[in-house]
Amino acid sequence: MLLSTHLNICGYITWNPNPNIFDLGFYALRWYSVLFLGGFIWSYLIIKQRFKSALINPYLLEKLTIYIIAGTLIGARLGHCLFYDWEYYHSHLIEIILPFQFAPTFKVTGYQGLASHGGGIGIFIALWLYHRKYQKYINLLWVMDQLALVVPLAGCCIRLGNLMNSEIIGRPTEVSWAFIFVREDSIPRHPAQLYEALAYIGIFIILNLVTRYRSLKNGFLLGLFLALVFTARFLLEGLKEDQAAFEAHMSLNMGQLLSIPFIVAGVILMIIKSGKNTVMPNKIETI
């Protein structure tokens, strides 16, 4: 069945969806891929409207989109391979770059290993490169604020994709809404992916309400985004199973450690950028 989920005798939710929408053997279209792409498209449409409202040249948005997509995919891929699964990838370096598996048989795998912290770092590097080229035409902090408005929405879609893959599962629990991830085991667990998706959609709503009713300095929204998203990540990581074996003996797991610098940066940025906005997003109207 495409989707198999029901309540068992104890009231827990038995979760066993097919992660593939269809599978041709050599290629499978996964729910994760569709939700990942859907998050990007939805975010792009929102940012496009905000660029239009600010009377900014659409060319700048086209170039920004290319930088962000490249930064996200490269950063998220490298983040997973370096932070979580280097034991495998150090001897399969080509598989970091190419979405293929060559042994034991050739298979199109896609980029199944993606780490959100790596994606965040990749986005910041991409924005730095974008700023170097287009700083005469647009205010970088304003651009980052616009991205901060939609990244939680994209994050929600990605975590729903993780839910469809039955991955990034939670720790065992006896709460009534626990999920039994059949592909993993028969133990009731926290649906950590769903918690995170709900947290992100809540943050998306908060950020958009803040920007609608308050005139803020460029950069404040970015700081609020970092503080909220990575505080949520830090707290929810404690409900997840470890993503790598080496985390078993750590008091804070890798996800929590990687979240701390982002939280600190967000709080500092909010303090520095508190007050009313005084900087226009576009410096020059034409390129």
C-alpha atoms as a PDB file:
ATOM      1  CA  MET A   1       0.000   0.000   0.000  1.00  0.00           C
ATOM      2  CA  LEU A   2       1.097   3.582  -0.669  1.00  0.00           C
ATOM      3  CA  LEU A   3       0.282   4.613   2.875  1.00  0.00           C
ATOM      4  CA  SER A   4      -0.317   2.290   5.788  1.00  0.00           C
ATOM      5  CA  THR A   5      -1.183   3.790   9.155  1.00  0.00           C
ATOM      6  CA  HIS A   6      -3.674   2.845  11.857  1.00  0.00           C
ATOM      7  CA  LEU A   7      -4.192   2.692  15.607  1.00  0.00           C
ATOM      8  CA  ASN A   8      -3.088  -0.498  17.313  1.00  0.00           C
ATOM      9  CA  ILE A   9      -4.750  -2.077  20.331  1.00  0.00           C
ATOM     10  CA  CYS A  10      -2.811   0.157  22.744  1.00  0.00           C
ATOM     11  CA  GLY A  11      -3.885   3.318  20.936  1.00  0.00           C
ATOM     12  CA  TYR A  12      -0.486   4.007  19.365  1.00  0.00           C
ATOM     13  CA  ILE A  13      -0.256   5.014  15.708  1.00  0.00           C
ATOM     14  CA  THR A  14       1.273   2.310  13.525  1.00  0.00           C
ATOM     15  CA  TRP A  15       3.200   4.146  10.812  1.00  0.00           C
ATOM     16  CA  ASN A  16       4.312   2.298   7.699  1.00  0.00           C
ATOM     17  CA  PRO A  17       4.087   4.466   4.554  1.00  0.00           C
ATOM     18  CA  ASN A  18       5.830   3.591   1.323  1.00  0.00           C
ATOM     19  CA  PRO A  19       8.561   6.248   0.966  1.00  0.00           C
ATOM     20  CA  ASN A  20       8.303   5.966  -2.819  1.00  0.00           C
ATOM     21  CA  ILE A  21       5.500   7.451  -4.889  1.00  0.00           C
ATOM     22  CA  PHE A  22       6.588   5.060  -7.636  1.00  0.00           C
ATOM     23  CA  ASP A  23       9.623   2.832  -8.209  1.00  0.00           C
ATOM     24  CA  LEU A  24      10.941   1.866 -11.644  1.00  0.00           C
ATOM     25  CA  GLY A  25      13.777  -0.205 -10.215  1.00  0.00           C
ATOM     26  CA  PHE A  26      16.599   2.014 -11.478  1.00  0.00           C
ATOM     27  CA  TYR A  27      14.793   5.167 -10.316  1.00  0.00           C
ATOM     28  CA  ALA A  28      12.303   5.863  -7.548  1.00  0.00           C
ATOM     29  CA  LEU A  29      10.406   9.117  -6.971  1.00  0.00           C
ATOM     30  CA  ARG A  30      10.277   9.632  -3.217  1.00  0.00           C
ATOM     31  CA  TRP A  31       7.860  11.635  -1.118  1.00  0.00           C
ATOM     32  CA  TYR A  32      10.886  13.297   0.456  1.00  0.00           C
ATOM     33  CA  SER A  33      12.028  14.669  -2.909  1.00  0.00           C
ATOM     34  CA  VAL A  34       8.558  16.000  -3.757  1.00  0.00           C
ATOM     35  CA  LEU A  35       8.136  17.670  -0.347  1.00  0.00           C
ATOM     36  CA  PHE A  36      11.679  19.096  -0.482  1.00  0.00           C
ATOM     37  CA  LEU A  37      11.010  20.606  -3.911  1.00  0.00           C
ATOM     38  CA  GLY A  38       7.535  21.759  -2.857  1.00  0.00           C
ATOM     39  CA  GLY A  39       9.022  23.631   0.103  1.00  0.00           C
ATOM     40  CA  PHE A  40      11.441  25.431  -2.194  1.00  0.00           C
ATOM     41  CA  ILE A  41       8.761  26.403  -4.700  1.00  0.00           C
ATOM     42  CA  TRP A  42       6.352  27.644  -2.027  1.00  0.00           C
ATOM     43  CA  SER A  43       9.112  29.680  -0.404  1.00  0.00           C
ATOM     44  CA  TYR A  44      10.174  31.124  -3.751  1.00  0.00           C
ATOM     45  CA  LEU A  45       6.649  32.314  -4.525  1.00  0.00           C
ATOM     46  CA  ILE A  46       6.410  34.132  -1.184  1.00  0.00           C
ATOM     47  CA  ILE A  47       9.803  35.816  -1.608  1.00  0.00           C
ATOM     48  CA  LYS A  48       8.967  36.737  -5.200  1.00  0.00           C
ATOM     49  CA  GLN A  49       5.921  38.659  -3.973  1.00  0.00           C
ATOM     50  CA  ARG A  50       7.982  40.458  -1.319  1.00  0.00           C
ATOM     51  CA  PHE A  51      10.628  41.458  -3.885  1.00  0.00           C
ATOM     52  CA  LYS A  52       7.867  42.750  -6.127  1.00  0.00           C
ATOM     53  CA  SER A  53       6.311  44.761  -3.269  1.00  0.00           C
ATOM     54  CA  ALA A  54       9.716  46.299  -2.519  1.00  0.00           C
ATOM     55  CA  LEU A  55      10.148  47.236  -6.215  1.00  0.00           C
ATOM     56  CA  ILE A  56      13.383  45.239  -6.524  1.00  0.00           C
ATOM     57  CA  ASN A  57      14.662  44.110  -9.917  1.00  0.00           C
ATOM     58  CA  PRO A  58      13.474  40.492 -10.532  1.00  0.00           C
ATOM     59  CA  TYR A  59      16.926  39.683 -11.923  1.00  0.00           C
ATOM     60  CA  LEU A  60      18.305  39.892  -8.384  1.00  0.00           C
ATOM     61  CA  LEU A  61      15.795  37.302  -7.192  1.00  0.00           C
ATOM     62  CA  GLU A  62      16.673  34.953 -10.061  1.00  0.00           C
ATOM     63  CA  LYS A  63      20.341  35.079  -9.127  1.00  0.00           C
ATOM     64  CA  LEU A  64      19.546  34.754  -5.411  1.00  0.00           C
ATOM     65  CA  THR A  65      17.525  31.596  -6.114  1.00  0.00           C
ATOM     66  CA  ILE A  66      20.457  29.962  -7.899  1.00  0.00           C
ATOM     67  CA  TYR A  67      22.847  30.815  -5.053  1.00  0.00           C
ATOM     68  CA  ILE A  68      20.435  29.557  -2.374  1.00  0.00           C
ATOM     69  CA  ILE A  69      19.619  26.262  -4.092  1.00  0.00           C
ATOM     70  CA  ALA A  70      23.305  25.537  -4.665  1.00  0.00           C
ATOM     71  CA  GLY A  71      24.268  26.557  -1.120  1.00  0.00           C
ATOM     72  CA  THR A  72      21.492  24.506   0.463  1.00  0.00           C
ATOM     73  CA  LEU A  73      22.144  21.298  -1.451  1.00  0.00           C
ATOM     74  CA  ILE A  74      25.940  21.435  -1.257  1.00  0.00           C
ATOM     75  CA  GLY A  75      25.948  22.461   2.410  1.00  0.00           C
ATOM     76  CA  ALA A  76      23.315  19.945   3.490  1.00  0.00           C
ATOM     77  CA  ARG A  77      25.043  17.130   1.607  1.00  0.00           C
ATOM     78  CA  LEU A  78      28.500  17.914   2.976  1.00  0.00           C
ATOM     79  CA  GLY A  79      27.028  18.429   6.446  1.00  0.00           C
ATOM     80  CA  HIS A  80      25.567  14.928   6.467  1.00  0.00           C
ATOM     81  CA  CYS A  81      28.652  13.265   5.023  1.00  0.00           C
ATOM     82  CA  LEU A  82      31.126  15.085   7.282  1.00  0.00           C
ATOM     83  CA  PHE A  83      29.171  15.429  10.532  1.00  0.00           C
ATOM     84  CA  TYR A  84      27.165  12.203  10.612  1.00  0.00           C
ATOM     85  CA  ASP A  85      28.434   9.536   8.198  1.00  0.00           C
ATOM     86  CA  TRP A  86      32.107  10.164   7.498  1.00  0.00           C
ATOM     87  CA  GLU A  87      32.908   6.551   8.450  1.00  0.00           C
ATOM     88  CA  TYR A  88      31.157   5.456   5.230  1.00  0.00           C
ATOM     89  CA  TYR A  89      31.843   8.347   2.889  1.00  0.00           C
ATOM     90  CA  HIS A  90      35.588   8.642   3.491  1.00  0.00           C
ATOM     91  CA  SER A  91      35.933   5.484   1.401  1.00  0.00           C
ATOM     92  CA  HIS A  92      33.118   6.416  -1.047  1.00  0.00           C
ATOM     93  CA  LEU A  93      34.068   9.999  -1.833  1.00  0.00           C
ATOM     94  CA  ILE A  94      32.491  10.010  -5.295  1.00  0.00           C
ATOM     95  CA  GLU A  95      29.083   9.234  -3.753  1.00  0.00           C
ATOM     96  CA  ILE A  96      29.228  12.531  -1.858  1.00  0.00           C
ATOM     97  CA  ILE A  97      29.068  14.380  -5.182  1.00  0.00           C
ATOM     98  CA  LEU A  98      27.060  12.022  -7.397  1.00  0.00           C
ATOM     99  CA  PRO A  99      23.514  10.778  -6.574  1.00  0.00           C
ATOM    100  CA  PHE A 100      24.474   7.205  -7.479  1.00  0.00           C
ATOM    101  CA  GLN A 101      25.485   4.029  -5.720  1.00  0.00           C
ATOM    102  CA  PHE A 102      28.054   1.973  -7.629  1.00  0.00           C
ATOM    103  CA  ALA A 103      28.325  -1.105  -5.410  1.00  0.00           C
ATOM    104  CA  PRO A 104      27.118  -3.791  -5.074  1.00  0.00           C
ATOM    105  CA  THR A 105      25.056  -2.701  -8.128  1.00  0.00           C
ATOM    106  CA  PHE A 106      24.533   0.623  -9.869  1.00  0.00           C
ATOM    107  CA  LYS A 107      21.513   2.505  -8.538  1.00  0.00           C
ATOM    108  CA  VAL A 108      20.188   6.056  -8.632  1.00  0.00           C
ATOM    109  CA  THR A 109      19.916   6.893  -4.915  1.00  0.00           C
ATOM    110  CA  GLY A 110      19.455  10.667  -5.023  1.00  0.00           C
ATOM    111  CA  TYR A 111      20.853  12.793  -2.215  1.00  0.00           C
ATOM    112  CA  GLN A 112      19.199  10.926   0.654  1.00  0.00           C
ATOM    113  CA  GLY A 113      21.650  12.136   3.266  1.00  0.00           C
ATOM    114  CA  LEU A 114      21.116  15.849   3.976  1.00  0.00           C
ATOM    115  CA  ALA A 115      21.866  17.688   7.236  1.00  0.00           C
ATOM    116  CA  SER A 116      19.956  20.879   8.008  1.00  0.00           C
ATOM    117  CA  HIS A 117      22.837  22.444   9.961  1.00  0.00           C
ATOM    118  CA  GLY A 118      25.104  21.938   6.955  1.00  0.00           C
ATOM    119  CA  GLY A 119      22.399  23.450   4.771  1.00  0.00           C
ATOM    120  CA  GLY A 120      22.281  26.492   7.051  1.00  0.00           C
ATOM    121  CA  ILE A 121      26.042  26.969   6.780  1.00  0.00           C
ATOM    122  CA  GLY A 122      25.824  26.513   3.009  1.00  0.00           C
ATOM    123  CA  ILE A 123      23.142  29.202   2.751  1.00  0.00           C
ATOM    124  CA  PHE A 124      25.258  31.694   4.706  1.00  0.00           C
ATOM    125  CA  ILE A 125      28.257  31.052   2.444  1.00  0.00           C
ATOM    126  CA  ALA A 126      26.038  31.399  -0.649  1.00  0.00           C
ATOM    127  CA  LEU A 127      24.668  34.701   0.668  1.00  0.00           C
ATOM    128  CA  TRP A 128      28.188  35.983   1.300  1.00  0.00           C
ATOM    129  CA  LEU A 129      29.113  35.212  -2.319  1.00  0.00           C
ATOM    130  CA  TYR A 130      25.866  36.795  -3.532  1.00  0.00           C
ATOM    131  CA  HIS A 131      26.600  39.902  -1.464  1.00  0.00           C
ATOM    132  CA  ARG A 132      30.097  40.232  -2.926  1.00  0.00           C
ATOM    133  CA  LYS A 133      28.653  40.399  -6.439  1.00  0.00           C
ATOM    134  CA  TYR A 134      25.418  42.357  -5.914  1.00  0.00           C
ATOM    135  CA  GLN A 135      26.058  44.535  -2.866  1.00  0.00           C
ATOM    136  CA  LYS A 136      25.689  47.697  -4.998  1.00  0.00           C
ATOM    137  CA  TYR A 137      22.092  46.834  -5.764  1.00  0.00           C
ATOM    138  CA  ILE A 138      20.475  45.338  -2.677  1.00  0.00           C
ATOM    139  CA  ASN A 139      20.800  45.303   1.115  1.00  0.00           C
ATOM    140  CA  LEU A 140      22.029  41.887   2.249  1.00  0.00           C
ATOM    141  CA  LEU A 141      20.363  41.951   5.675  1.00  0.00           C
ATOM    142  CA  TRP A 142      17.018  42.712   4.053  1.00  0.00           C
ATOM    143  CA  VAL A 143      17.496  39.693   1.770  1.00  0.00           C
ATOM    144  CA  MET A 144      18.357  37.490   4.746  1.00  0.00           C
ATOM    145  CA  ASP A 145      15.249  38.683   6.570  1.00  0.00           C
ATOM    146  CA  GLN A 146      13.115  37.612   3.605  1.00  0.00           C
ATOM    147  CA  LEU A 147      14.730  34.194   3.620  1.00  0.00           C
ATOM    148  CA  ALA A 148      14.184  33.946   7.372  1.00  0.00           C
ATOM    149  CA  LEU A 149      10.453  34.362   6.752  1.00  0.00           C
ATOM    150  CA  VAL A 150      10.210  31.301   4.506  1.00  0.00           C
ATOM    151  CA  VAL A 151      12.946  28.891   5.615  1.00  0.00           C
ATOM    152  CA  PRO A 152      10.738  27.498   8.438  1.00  0.00           C
ATOM    153  CA  LEU A 153       8.094  26.698   5.831  1.00  0.00           C
ATOM    154  CA  ALA A 154      10.628  24.791   3.745  1.00  0.00           C
ATOM    155  CA  GLY A 155      11.886  23.102   6.915  1.00  0.00           C
ATOM    156  CA  CYS A 156       8.365  21.937   7.733  1.00  0.00           C
ATOM    157  CA  CYS A 157       8.054  20.304   4.303  1.00  0.00           C
ATOM    158  CA  ILE A 158      11.441  18.596   4.700  1.00  0.00           C
ATOM    159  CA  ARG A 159      10.546  17.155   8.109  1.00  0.00           C
ATOM    160  CA  LEU A 160       7.277  15.817   6.680  1.00  0.00           C
ATOM    161  CA  GLY A 161       9.441  14.128   4.056  1.00  0.00           C
ATOM    162  CA  ASN A 162      11.494  12.599   6.868  1.00  0.00           C
ATOM    163  CA  LEU A 163       8.242  11.350   8.398  1.00  0.00           C
ATOM    164  CA  MET A 164       7.308   9.659   5.126  1.00  0.00           C
ATOM    165  CA  ASN A 165      10.753   8.032   5.114  1.00  0.00           C
ATOM    166  CA  SER A 166      10.334   6.869   8.743  1.00  0.00           C
ATOM    167  CA  GLU A 167      13.717   8.463   9.512  1.00  0.00           C
ATOM    168  CA  ILE A 168      15.013  10.778  12.249  1.00  0.00           C
ATOM    169  CA  ILE A 169      12.745   8.873  14.633  1.00  0.00           C
ATOM    170  CA  GLY A 170      12.152   9.774  18.260  1.00  0.00           C
ATOM    171  CA  ARG A 171      13.101   7.989  21.451  1.00  0.00           C
ATOM    172  CA  PRO A 172      10.813   5.339  22.989  1.00  0.00           C
ATOM    173  CA  THR A 173       7.802   6.719  24.848  1.00  0.00           C
ATOM    174  CA  GLU A 174       4.409   5.684  26.225  1.00  0.00           C
ATOM    175  CA  VAL A 175       2.519   8.864  25.324  1.00  0.00           C
ATOM    176  CA  SER A 176      -0.835   8.149  23.701  1.00  0.00           C
ATOM    177  CA  TRP A 177       0.157   9.776  20.404  1.00  0.00           C
ATOM    178  CA  ALA A 178       3.328   7.680  20.009  1.00  0.00           C
ATOM    179  CA  PHE A 179       4.158   6.275  16.568  1.00  0.00           C
ATOM    180  CA  ILE A 180       5.316   2.740  15.902  1.00  0.00           C
ATOM    181  CA  PHE A 181       7.686   3.046  12.946  1.00  0.00           C
ATOM    182  CA  VAL A 182       7.244  -0.402  11.438  1.00  0.00           C
ATOM    183  CA  ARG A 183      10.279  -0.066   9.174  1.00  0.00           C
ATOM    184  CA  GLU A 184      12.449   0.412  12.283  1.00  0.00           C
ATOM    185  CA  ASP A 185      10.988  -1.721  15.080  1.00  0.00           C
ATOM    186  CA  SER A 186       7.797  -2.318  17.076  1.00  0.00           C
ATOM    187  CA  ILE A 187       8.583   0.195  19.838  1.00  0.00           C
ATOM    188  CA  PRO A 188       6.280   3.211  20.416  1.00  0.00           C
ATOM    189  CA  ARG A 189       8.319   6.361  19.819  1.00  0.00           C
ATOM    190  CA  HIS A 190       8.006  10.130  19.765  1.00  0.00           C
ATOM    191  CA  PRO A 191       7.116  11.330  16.230  1.00  0.00           C
ATOM    192  CA  ALA A 192      10.059  13.748  16.384  1.00  0.00           C
ATOM    193  CA  GLN A 193       9.732  14.658  12.701  1.00  0.00           C
ATOM    194  CA  LEU A 194       6.139  15.738  13.243  1.00  0.00           C
ATOM    195  CA  TYR A 195       7.059  17.747  16.358  1.00  0.00           C
ATOM    196  CA  GLU A 196       9.704  19.599  14.366  1.00  0.00           C
ATOM    197  CA  ALA A 197       7.396  20.204  11.401  1.00  0.00           C
ATOM    198  CA  LEU A 198       4.776  21.703  13.736  1.00  0.00           C
ATOM    199  CA  ALA A 199       7.421  23.832  15.470  1.00  0.00           C
ATOM    200  CA  TYR A 200       8.583  25.205  12.121  1.00  0.00           C
ATOM    201  CA  ILE A 201       5.108  26.064  10.902  1.00  0.00           C
ATOM    202  CA  GLY A 202       4.482  27.823  14.225  1.00  0.00           C
ATOM    203  CA  ILE A 203       7.717  29.818  13.820  1.00  0.00           C
ATOM    204  CA  PHE A 204       6.726  30.668  10.236  1.00  0.00           C
ATOM    205  CA  ILE A 205       3.451  32.147  11.525  1.00  0.00           C
ATOM    206  CA  ILE A 206       5.193  34.076  14.333  1.00  0.00           C
ATOM    207  CA  LEU A 207       7.794  35.629  12.009  1.00  0.00           C
ATOM    208  CA  ASN A 208       5.196  36.704   9.480  1.00  0.00           C
ATOM    209  CA  LEU A 209       3.015  38.241  12.202  1.00  0.00           C
ATOM    210  CA  VAL A 210       6.008  40.141  13.591  1.00  0.00           C
ATOM    211  CA  THR A 211       6.969  41.588  10.216  1.00  0.00           C
ATOM    212  CA  ARG A 212       3.361  42.507   9.466  1.00  0.00           C
ATOM    213  CA  TYR A 213       2.740  44.516  12.615  1.00  0.00           C
ATOM    214  CA  ARG A 214       6.182  45.959  13.391  1.00  0.00           C
ATOM    215  CA  SER A 215       8.714  48.012  11.427  1.00  0.00           C
ATOM    216  CA  LEU A 216      12.040  46.405  12.286  1.00  0.00           C
ATOM    217  CA  LYS A 217      15.653  47.111  11.462  1.00  0.00           C
ATOM    218  CA  ASN A 218      17.078  44.927   8.727  1.00  0.00           C
ATOM    219  CA  GLY A 219      18.606  41.897  10.421  1.00  0.00           C
ATOM    220  CA  PHE A 220      16.325  41.692  13.473  1.00  0.00           C
ATOM    221  CA  LEU A 221      14.047  39.159  11.796  1.00  0.00           C
ATOM    222  CA  LEU A 222      17.056  37.025  10.903  1.00  0.00           C
ATOM    223  CA  GLY A 223      18.148  37.073  14.538  1.00  0.00           C
ATOM    224  CA  LEU A 224      14.668  36.105  15.737  1.00  0.00           C
ATOM    225  CA  PHE A 225      14.574  33.302  13.180  1.00  0.00           C
ATOM    226  CA  LEU A 226      17.923  31.901  14.319  1.00  0.00           C
ATOM    227  CA  ALA A 227      16.982  32.093  17.991  1.00  0.00           C
ATOM    228  CA  LEU A 228      13.575  30.438  17.546  1.00  0.00           C
ATOM    229  CA  VAL A 229      14.480  27.736  15.031  1.00  0.00           C
ATOM    230  CA  PHE A 230      17.652  26.537  16.703  1.00  0.00           C
ATOM    231  CA  THR A 231      16.197  26.701  20.203  1.00  0.00           C
ATOM    232  CA  ALA A 232      13.442  24.429  18.912  1.00  0.00           C
ATOM    233  CA  ARG A 233      16.067  22.197  17.334  1.00  0.00           C
ATOM    234  CA  PHE A 234      18.109  22.087  20.549  1.00  0.00           C
ATOM    235  CA  LEU A 235      15.089  21.052  22.615  1.00  0.00           C
ATOM    236  CA  LEU A 236      13.671  18.556  20.126  1.00  0.00           C
ATOM    237  CA  GLU A 237      17.034  16.888  19.505  1.00  0.00           C
ATOM    238  CA  GLY A 238      16.715  15.520  23.043  1.00  0.00           C
ATOM    239  CA  LEU A 239      13.646  13.540  21.947  1.00  0.00           C
ATOM    240  CA  LYS A 240      15.361  12.009  18.910  1.00  0.00           C
ATOM    241  CA  GLU A 241      17.353   8.846  18.574  1.00  0.00           C
ATOM    242  CA  ASP A 242      21.027   9.506  17.883  1.00  0.00           C
ATOM    243  CA  GLN A 243      21.735   9.966  14.186  1.00  0.00           C
ATOM    244  CA  ALA A 244      25.196   8.417  14.435  1.00  0.00           C
ATOM    245  CA  ALA A 245      26.753   5.805  16.715  1.00  0.00           C
ATOM    246  CA  PHE A 246      29.424   8.159  18.070  1.00  0.00           C
ATOM    247  CA  GLU A 247      26.701  10.308  19.687  1.00  0.00           C
ATOM    248  CA  ALA A 248      25.787   7.573  22.174  1.00  0.00           C
ATOM    249  CA  HIS A 249      28.343   8.732  24.763  1.00  0.00           C
ATOM    250  CA  MET A 250      27.852  12.486  24.273  1.00  0.00           C
ATOM    251  CA  SER A 251      25.988  14.542  26.885  1.00  0.00           C
ATOM    252  CA  LEU A 252      24.758  16.775  24.037  1.00  0.00           C
ATOM    253  CA  ASN A 253      24.311  15.222  20.612  1.00  0.00           C
ATOM    254  CA  MET A 254      25.735  16.650  17.395  1.00  0.00           C
ATOM    255  CA  GLY A 255      22.486  18.420  16.489  1.00  0.00           C
ATOM    256  CA  GLN A 256      22.416  20.204  19.848  1.00  0.00           C
ATOM    257  CA  LEU A 257      26.079  21.216  19.684  1.00  0.00           C
ATOM    258  CA  LEU A 258      25.634  22.605  16.178  1.00  0.00           C
ATOM    259  CA  SER A 259      22.543  24.558  17.279  1.00  0.00           C
ATOM    260  CA  ILE A 260      24.246  26.518  20.063  1.00  0.00           C
ATOM    261  CA  PRO A 261      26.309  28.903  17.845  1.00  0.00           C
ATOM    262  CA  PHE A 262      23.204  29.723  15.797  1.00  0.00           C
ATOM    263  CA  ILE A 263      21.189  30.521  18.943  1.00  0.00           C
ATOM    264  CA  VAL A 264      23.939  32.788  20.290  1.00  0.00           C
ATOM    265  CA  ALA A 265      24.291  34.548  16.921  1.00  0.00           C
ATOM    266  CA  GLY A 266      20.524  35.069  16.753  1.00  0.00           C
ATOM    267  CA  VAL A 267      20.303  36.642  20.213  1.00  0.00           C
ATOM    268  CA  ILE A 268      23.262  38.948  19.524  1.00  0.00           C
ATOM    269  CA  LEU A 269      21.760  40.033  16.208  1.00  0.00           C
ATOM    270  CA  MET A 270      18.403  40.788  17.841  1.00  0.00           C
ATOM    271  CA  ILE A 271      20.121  42.967  20.450  1.00  0.00           C
ATOM    272  CA  ILE A 272      22.178  44.844  17.863  1.00  0.00           C
ATOM    273  CA  LYS A 273      19.253  45.332  15.488  1.00  0.00           C
ATOM    274  CA  SER A 274      16.536  46.256  17.973  1.00  0.00           C
ATOM    275  CA  GLY A 275      14.628  49.402  16.999  1.00  0.00           C
ATOM    276  CA  LYS A 276      12.823  50.694  13.913  1.00  0.00           C
ATOM    277  CA  ASN A 277      13.936  50.072  10.338  1.00  0.00           C
ATOM    278  CA  THR A 278      15.877  52.858   8.650  1.00  0.00           C
ATOM    279  CA  VAL A 279      17.538  51.121   5.666  1.00  0.00           C
ATOM    280  CA  MET A 280      15.806  50.568   2.332  1.00  0.00           C
ATOM    281  CA  PRO A 281      16.139  47.102   0.751  1.00  0.00           C
ATOM    282  CA  ASN A 282      17.173  48.336  -2.686  1.00  0.00           C
ATOM    283  CA  LYS A 283      20.141  50.638  -3.089  1.00  0.00           C
ATOM    284  CA  ILE A 284      19.946  51.023  -6.887  1.00  0.00           C
ATOM    285  CA  GLU A 285      16.814  50.274  -8.856  1.00  0.00           C
ATOM    286  CA  THR A 286      18.467  49.007 -12.048  1.00  0.00           C
ATOM    287  CA  ILE A 287      21.443  46.835 -12.911  1.00  0.00           C
END
